[in-house]
Amino acid sequence: MLFILVMEMLQRLFQRAASLGVLSPPASQVIQHQCSLYADDVVLFVNPAAQDMITTKEILALFGDVSGLHTNLQKSLIAPIACSDSEITLAAQLFPAEISDFPIKYLGLPLTVRRLRKAHLQPLVDRVAAYIPTWKASLLNKAGRLTLVKVTMSAACVHTLISLKVPDWVFQEIDKRRRGFLWSGKEKANGGQCLVAWSFVCPKVDVA
């Protein structure tokens, strides 16, 4: 709670700067907040103008001096959105942080200004499949495997699926791994090994 109260002051500093006219509002009407905070991750939406970036740098320095939470530029990155080469160069000069193209990772999720490609979502499928070799399926009965499928393999997807709209192929690939582990203890199971329909096994987990 103490951390939340302190970080709220960072948000209020940006709001105050915008109300005084020393910081421009985000160029996009869709973005309602200039500063997005979650735990120890912060996303700032700043116009690529010299005054705005200098103001942002001064706000971060002021906040760090008061709270002791200083910005680590070595662990920060700049993700340009529709910026010219000169604007990117200016941002790199004022903020000596890494320049990164989209998609970027935020809270463990891939974020992009375009549609996510298959390569961006494949790690989610791979993360679910990675559980299978570590479990001794031959020592588990069907009830034990079903518990692991629901509690662990399905839970690994929740954070991503409640935040992003993923295509159907992701659900199909994940279900293929869950179904394979349940019936055969392996990554894949053929039709003869599946004793009942998958929709009957996990009626509340599958998403159409």
Foldseek 3Di string as FASTA:
>chain_A
DVVVVLVVVLQVLVVVCVVVVQFPDAPDPVDPGQWDDDDPDIDGRGDLDLSNLVSNVVSQVVSCVVPVDHDDQAPDEAEDDPDDPVSVVSNCVSRVHHYDYAQDADPNATDHPDDDDPVRCVVLLVVLQVVLVVDPLVPDALVVLLCCLVPPSLVSCVVVVVPDPDDPVSLVSSLQQSQCCNQPSHRHDDPVSRPDDPCVSCVPRRDD
